[in-house]
Amino acid sequence: MQQPSPTLEGQRLAFIGLGVMGYPMAGHLRRHGASVAVYNRTPGKALAWTEDYQGTAHTTPRGAAAEAAIVFLCVGNDDDVRSVVYGDDGVLAGMAPGTLLVDHTTASAELAEELGAACAENDIGFLDAPVSGGQAGAVNGALTIMVGGQEADFQRGRAVMEVYAKEIRRMGGVGAGQVTKMVNQICIAGILQGLAEGVAFAEKAGLDVGEVVGVISQGAAQSWQMNNRAHTMAKNEFDFGFAVDWMRKDLGIALDKARGLGVSLPLTALVDQFYGDVQRMGGGRNDTSSLIRRLR
């Protein structure tokens, strides 16, 4: 892993989507010296970002993309991506030949292939580049980015993305980044369910959860989720970034892909149902560790 670029001076970039992830990611680009144009569907968020980082807010995706060498997207789902990419006001209408579109949205591999083809028709490079690491990773510039696309486009995008990532890896052609992110979410879902059951079991058995986690986290049970979420689970604190609503969206994408591949994902399907239970309990905006709510 290369060290983050010391400067992006002279680069003209655009960032579309200033949610909990995009807001700090775009901020890293600006702090490293790039000229950054932004667009957000809620205009007030874009104006707040410009006050924080002295960038330029635009009223359309096309306006933000018009002078950018690289345009980054980080929105909600496939339909959201299409709404900012296509049409008279979409980014493709504003991008010049030879530029690069990088989609950080967690979306379907089919959408990535569609966007790759649309970009190719306009002589624009494309990378599907979903991220992992949550809000904290975005704020701290420590995201993991899984990328699909051509090697030359990857090298060009990587030189910029390094300012908000600790790991960036090309996984193959267009769509490979999204499929890798599906693997990521499948693994997280299973780990969180096991952790939720373990913490709930410890509580019912009358053990001190802090002491239990303190000892088992030094052995084979250790995971990032255990280190960062077991204690907050025990305290009924579920306001740590990535929400259940978004996890269900991601798991739905993975399950759809698995059906197309003829792959059985029984645990993932079950945990997806459990997250549905949390939603029905009013926990759609809770973070993903809130699976334990079902067990209390």
Protein backbone atom coordinates (compact mmCIF):
# COMPACT_ATOMS: atom_id res chain seq x y z
CA MET A 1 0.00 0.00 0.00
CA GLN A 2 1.41 3.34 -1.06
CA GLN A 3 1.34 6.31 1.28
CA PRO A 4 -1.43 8.87 0.63
CA SER A 5 -0.55 11.49 -1.96
CA PRO A 6 0.83 14.59 -0.24
CA THR A 7 -1.05 16.87 -2.60
CA LEU A 8 -3.74 16.90 -5.27
CA GLU A 9 -2.96 20.49 -6.23
CA GLY A 10 -4.11 21.38 -9.71
CA GLN A 11 -6.62 18.52 -10.00
CA ARG A 12 -10.24 19.36 -10.78
CA LEU A 13 -12.57 16.77 -9.26
CA ALA A 14 -16.29 16.35 -8.60
CA PHE A 15 -18.10 14.46 -5.87
CA ILE A 16 -21.77 13.54 -6.17
CA GLY A 17 -23.51 12.48 -2.93
CA LEU A 18 -22.61 13.95 0.45
CA GLY A 19 -24.05 11.47 2.92
CA VAL A 20 -22.25 10.10 5.97
CA MET A 21 -19.61 8.61 3.69
CA GLY A 22 -19.37 11.06 0.82
CA TYR A 23 -19.19 14.20 2.95
CA PRO A 24 -15.85 13.33 4.61
CA MET A 25 -14.50 11.57 1.50
CA ALA A 26 -15.00 14.72 -0.57
CA GLY A 27 -13.46 16.65 2.30
CA HIS A 28 -10.26 14.61 2.08
CA LEU A 29 -9.96 15.48 -1.61
CA ARG A 30 -10.28 19.18 -0.82
CA ARG A 31 -7.89 19.06 2.14
CA HIS A 32 -5.25 17.52 -0.12
CA GLY A 33 -5.45 20.48 -2.44
CA ALA A 34 -7.87 19.48 -5.23
CA SER A 35 -10.45 21.84 -6.63
CA VAL A 36 -13.69 20.00 -5.77
CA ALA A 37 -17.18 20.63 -7.16
CA VAL A 38 -20.05 18.91 -5.33
CA TYR A 39 -23.69 18.04 -5.83
CA ASN A 40 -26.17 16.66 -3.33
CA ARG A 41 -29.89 16.08 -3.76
CA THR A 42 -30.45 18.00 -0.52
CA PRO A 43 -28.93 21.40 -1.42
CA GLY A 44 -28.40 22.43 2.18
CA LYS A 45 -25.92 19.58 2.65
CA ALA A 46 -23.88 20.76 -0.32
CA LEU A 47 -23.84 24.33 0.97
CA ALA A 48 -22.74 23.13 4.42
CA TRP A 49 -19.92 21.16 2.79
CA THR A 50 -18.71 24.22 0.90
CA GLU A 51 -18.65 26.18 4.14
CA ASP A 52 -16.54 23.46 5.75
CA TYR A 53 -14.17 22.89 2.84
CA GLN A 54 -14.38 25.91 0.50
CA GLY A 55 -15.42 23.90 -2.53
CA THR A 56 -18.11 24.73 -5.09
CA ALA A 57 -21.71 23.53 -4.88
CA HIS A 58 -23.79 22.96 -8.03
CA THR A 59 -27.51 22.56 -8.58
CA THR A 60 -27.16 19.61 -10.98
CA PRO A 61 -24.80 16.63 -11.29
CA ARG A 62 -23.95 17.83 -14.80
CA GLY A 63 -22.83 21.20 -13.47
CA ALA A 64 -20.57 19.60 -10.88
CA ALA A 65 -19.03 17.23 -13.44
CA ALA A 66 -18.53 19.76 -16.23
CA GLU A 67 -14.87 20.64 -15.58
CA ALA A 68 -13.78 17.58 -13.59
CA ALA A 69 -11.12 15.13 -14.70
CA ILE A 70 -12.54 12.53 -12.30
CA VAL A 71 -16.11 12.36 -11.00
CA PHE A 72 -16.88 10.35 -7.86
CA LEU A 73 -20.33 9.05 -6.91
CA CYS A 74 -21.48 7.87 -3.49
CA VAL A 75 -25.28 7.61 -3.35
CA GLY A 76 -27.82 5.09 -2.10
CA ASN A 77 -28.71 2.39 -4.62
CA ASP A 78 -28.94 1.47 -8.31
CA ASP A 79 -31.83 3.85 -9.02
CA ASP A 80 -30.09 6.70 -7.21
CA VAL A 81 -26.98 6.15 -9.33
CA ARG A 82 -29.00 6.20 -12.54
CA SER A 83 -30.75 9.40 -11.44
CA VAL A 84 -27.45 11.29 -11.18
CA VAL A 85 -25.68 9.71 -14.16
CA TYR A 86 -28.20 9.81 -16.99
CA GLY A 87 -30.36 12.51 -18.57
CA ASP A 88 -29.77 16.11 -19.55
CA ASP A 89 -28.66 17.00 -16.01
CA GLY A 90 -26.67 13.82 -15.33
CA VAL A 91 -22.93 13.59 -14.96
CA LEU A 92 -22.44 11.90 -18.34
CA ALA A 93 -23.93 14.95 -20.03
CA GLY A 94 -21.24 17.09 -18.43
CA MET A 95 -18.17 14.86 -18.66
CA ALA A 96 -15.66 15.23 -21.46
CA PRO A 97 -13.98 12.37 -23.37
CA GLY A 98 -10.92 11.11 -21.55
CA THR A 99 -12.31 11.72 -18.07
CA LEU A 100 -13.04 9.06 -15.44
CA LEU A 101 -16.19 8.13 -13.49
CA VAL A 102 -15.71 6.32 -10.16
CA ASP A 103 -18.78 4.87 -8.43
CA HIS A 104 -18.32 4.30 -4.69
CA THR A 105 -21.98 3.31 -4.24
CA THR A 106 -22.64 -0.26 -3.13
CA ALA A 107 -24.81 -1.36 -6.03
CA SER A 108 -25.37 -4.33 -8.31
CA ALA A 109 -22.72 -5.75 -10.61
CA GLU A 110 -25.25 -5.45 -13.43
CA LEU A 111 -25.44 -1.70 -12.89
CA ALA A 112 -21.64 -1.50 -12.95
CA GLU A 113 -21.58 -3.27 -16.31
CA GLU A 114 -24.31 -0.96 -17.61
CA LEU A 115 -22.40 2.14 -16.51
CA GLY A 116 -19.15 0.79 -17.90
CA ALA A 117 -20.77 0.36 -21.30
CA ALA A 118 -22.37 3.82 -21.21
CA CYS A 119 -19.05 5.42 -20.29
CA ALA A 120 -17.20 3.51 -23.01
CA GLU A 121 -19.62 4.87 -25.62
CA ASN A 122 -18.55 8.37 -24.57
CA ASP A 123 -14.82 7.60 -24.31
CA ILE A 124 -15.01 7.94 -20.52
CA GLY A 125 -13.26 5.55 -18.14
CA PHE A 126 -15.24 3.79 -15.43
CA LEU A 127 -14.49 2.09 -12.10
CA ASP A 128 -16.96 0.41 -9.76
CA ALA A 129 -15.33 1.03 -6.39
CA PRO A 130 -17.52 0.22 -3.36
CA VAL A 131 -16.00 0.90 0.03
CA SER A 132 -15.85 -0.76 3.44
CA GLY A 133 -14.95 0.77 6.77
CA GLY A 134 -18.07 2.70 7.66
CA GLN A 135 -18.41 6.31 8.66
CA ALA A 136 -15.36 6.14 10.91
CA GLY A 137 -13.25 4.84 8.03
CA ALA A 138 -14.44 7.67 5.80
CA VAL A 139 -13.75 10.32 8.44
CA ASN A 140 -10.32 8.92 9.27
CA GLY A 141 -9.27 8.32 5.67
CA ALA A 142 -8.97 4.59 6.33
CA LEU A 143 -11.43 2.96 3.94
CA THR A 144 -10.95 -0.29 2.08
CA ILE A 145 -11.87 0.05 -1.61
CA MET A 146 -12.67 -2.90 -3.88
CA VAL A 147 -12.35 -1.91 -7.53
CA GLY A 148 -13.47 -3.25 -10.88
CA GLY A 149 -12.28 -1.79 -14.17
CA GLN A 150 -9.38 -1.50 -16.55
CA GLU A 151 -5.87 -1.33 -15.13
CA ALA A 152 -5.07 2.10 -16.60
CA ASP A 153 -8.26 3.58 -15.14
CA PHE A 154 -7.51 1.91 -11.82
CA GLN A 155 -4.04 3.43 -11.60
CA ARG A 156 -5.42 6.86 -12.42
CA GLY A 157 -8.19 6.62 -9.85
CA ARG A 158 -6.03 5.03 -7.20
CA ALA A 159 -3.64 7.99 -7.14
CA VAL A 160 -6.56 10.14 -5.95
CA MET A 161 -8.49 7.64 -3.81
CA GLU A 162 -5.43 7.02 -1.65
CA VAL A 163 -6.20 10.20 0.30
CA TYR A 164 -9.18 8.49 1.98
CA ALA A 165 -8.20 4.81 1.88
CA LYS A 166 -5.87 2.43 3.68
CA GLU A 167 -6.30 -0.37 1.12
CA ILE A 168 -7.25 -0.17 -2.56
CA ARG A 169 -7.24 -3.28 -4.69
CA ARG A 170 -8.32 -3.99 -8.25
CA MET A 171 -10.33 -7.21 -8.26
CA GLY A 172 -10.84 -7.61 -11.99
CA GLY A 173 -12.90 -6.06 -14.76
CA VAL A 174 -15.96 -3.86 -14.39
CA GLY A 175 -18.35 -5.36 -11.82
CA ALA A 176 -15.68 -7.22 -9.86
CA GLY A 177 -15.56 -4.53 -7.19
CA GLN A 178 -19.28 -4.86 -6.52
CA VAL A 179 -19.12 -8.65 -6.32
CA THR A 180 -16.24 -8.40 -3.84
CA LYS A 181 -18.32 -6.01 -1.73
CA MET A 182 -21.09 -8.63 -1.70
CA VAL A 183 -18.60 -11.12 -0.23
CA ASN A 184 -17.70 -8.50 2.39
CA GLN A 185 -21.32 -8.03 3.45
CA ILE A 186 -22.02 -11.77 3.50
CA CYS A 187 -19.12 -12.27 5.91
CA ILE A 188 -20.08 -9.33 8.13
CA ALA A 189 -23.67 -10.55 8.44
CA GLY A 190 -22.62 -13.96 9.73
CA ILE A 191 -20.05 -12.53 12.14
CA LEU A 192 -22.52 -10.05 13.62
CA GLN A 193 -25.18 -12.70 14.17
CA GLY A 194 -22.69 -14.91 15.97
CA LEU A 195 -21.50 -11.97 18.08
CA ALA A 196 -25.06 -10.99 18.96
CA GLU A 197 -25.85 -14.52 20.09
CA GLY A 198 -22.62 -14.74 22.09
CA VAL A 199 -23.20 -11.45 23.91
CA ALA A 200 -26.84 -12.30 24.62
CA PHE A 201 -25.82 -15.73 25.92
CA ALA A 202 -23.17 -14.21 28.21
CA GLU A 203 -25.72 -11.76 29.61
CA LYS A 204 -28.31 -14.48 30.32
CA ALA A 205 -25.63 -16.61 31.99
CA GLY A 206 -24.83 -13.76 34.36
CA LEU A 207 -21.32 -13.13 33.07
CA ASP A 208 -19.64 -9.74 32.82
CA VAL A 209 -19.72 -9.08 29.07
CA GLY A 210 -16.70 -6.80 29.27
CA GLU A 211 -14.63 -9.48 30.94
CA VAL A 212 -15.83 -12.15 28.52
CA VAL A 213 -14.95 -10.05 25.49
CA GLY A 214 -11.66 -9.08 27.08
CA VAL A 215 -10.51 -12.68 27.24
CA ILE A 216 -12.05 -14.24 24.13
CA SER A 217 -10.93 -11.34 21.93
CA GLN A 218 -7.38 -12.52 22.55
CA GLY A 219 -8.12 -15.88 20.94
CA ALA A 220 -9.67 -17.31 17.80
CA ALA A 221 -13.02 -15.52 18.33
CA GLN A 222 -11.44 -12.13 17.77
CA SER A 223 -12.82 -9.91 14.98
CA TRP A 224 -13.17 -6.24 14.13
CA GLN A 225 -16.84 -6.47 15.04
CA MET A 226 -16.02 -7.93 18.46
CA ASN A 227 -13.41 -5.28 19.19
CA ASN A 228 -15.63 -2.41 18.09
CA ARG A 229 -19.23 -3.49 18.70
CA ALA A 230 -19.48 -6.03 21.54
CA HIS A 231 -19.28 -3.39 24.27
CA THR A 232 -21.75 -1.08 22.54
CA MET A 233 -24.10 -4.03 21.98
CA ALA A 234 -24.01 -4.69 25.73
CA LYS A 235 -24.91 -1.04 26.39
CA ASN A 236 -27.79 -1.03 23.88
CA GLU A 237 -26.00 1.62 21.83
CA PHE A 238 -26.71 1.32 18.12
CA ASP A 239 -25.78 4.65 16.59
CA PHE A 240 -22.49 3.83 14.92
CA GLY A 241 -22.85 4.52 11.23
CA PHE A 242 -23.94 1.86 8.75
CA ALA A 243 -27.68 1.33 9.16
CA VAL A 244 -29.83 -1.79 9.03
CA ASP A 245 -31.79 -0.33 6.10
CA TRP A 246 -28.61 -0.15 4.04
CA MET A 247 -27.43 -3.58 5.12
CA ARG A 248 -30.69 -5.10 3.95
CA LYS A 249 -30.23 -3.37 0.60
CA ASP A 250 -26.72 -4.81 0.32
CA LEU A 251 -27.76 -8.31 1.38
CA GLY A 252 -30.61 -8.21 -1.12
CA ILE A 253 -28.10 -7.47 -3.89
CA ALA A 254 -25.90 -10.35 -2.73
CA LEU A 255 -28.81 -12.79 -2.51
CA ASP A 256 -30.02 -11.82 -5.98
CA LYS A 257 -26.53 -12.38 -7.37
CA ALA A 258 -26.27 -15.72 -5.58
CA ARG A 259 -29.54 -16.91 -7.13
CA GLY A 260 -28.20 -15.98 -10.55
CA LEU A 261 -25.02 -17.96 -9.86
CA GLY A 262 -26.90 -20.94 -8.42
CA VAL A 263 -25.14 -20.48 -5.06
CA SER A 264 -26.88 -21.24 -1.75
CA LEU A 265 -26.41 -18.67 1.02
CA PRO A 266 -28.59 -20.03 3.84
CA LEU A 267 -26.99 -18.07 6.69
CA THR A 268 -27.06 -14.82 4.74
CA ALA A 269 -30.74 -15.33 3.90
CA LEU A 270 -31.52 -16.02 7.55
CA VAL A 271 -29.66 -12.96 8.85
CA ASP A 272 -31.40 -10.86 6.22
CA GLN A 273 -34.70 -12.01 7.71
CA PHE A 274 -33.43 -11.13 11.18
CA TYR A 275 -32.59 -7.64 10.00
CA GLY A 276 -36.17 -7.46 8.72
CA ASP A 277 -37.29 -8.18 12.29
CA VAL A 278 -35.14 -5.28 13.53
CA GLN A 279 -36.73 -3.00 10.95
CA ARG A 280 -40.19 -4.02 12.16
CA MET A 281 -39.06 -3.15 15.70
CA GLY A 282 -38.38 0.38 14.47
CA GLY A 283 -34.63 -0.14 14.14
CA GLY A 284 -34.08 0.56 10.46
CA ARG A 285 -31.69 3.40 11.25
CA ASN A 286 -29.86 1.46 13.99
CA ASP A 287 -26.40 0.25 13.06
CA THR A 288 -25.91 -3.36 12.01
CA SER A 289 -24.91 -4.57 15.50
CA SER A 290 -28.54 -4.10 16.54
CA LEU A 291 -29.25 -7.75 15.63
CA ILE A 292 -28.99 -8.38 19.38
CA ARG A 293 -32.28 -6.50 19.91
CA ARG A 294 -34.13 -9.59 18.68
CA LEU A 295 -32.56 -11.73 21.39
CA ARG A 296 -33.49 -9.63 24.41
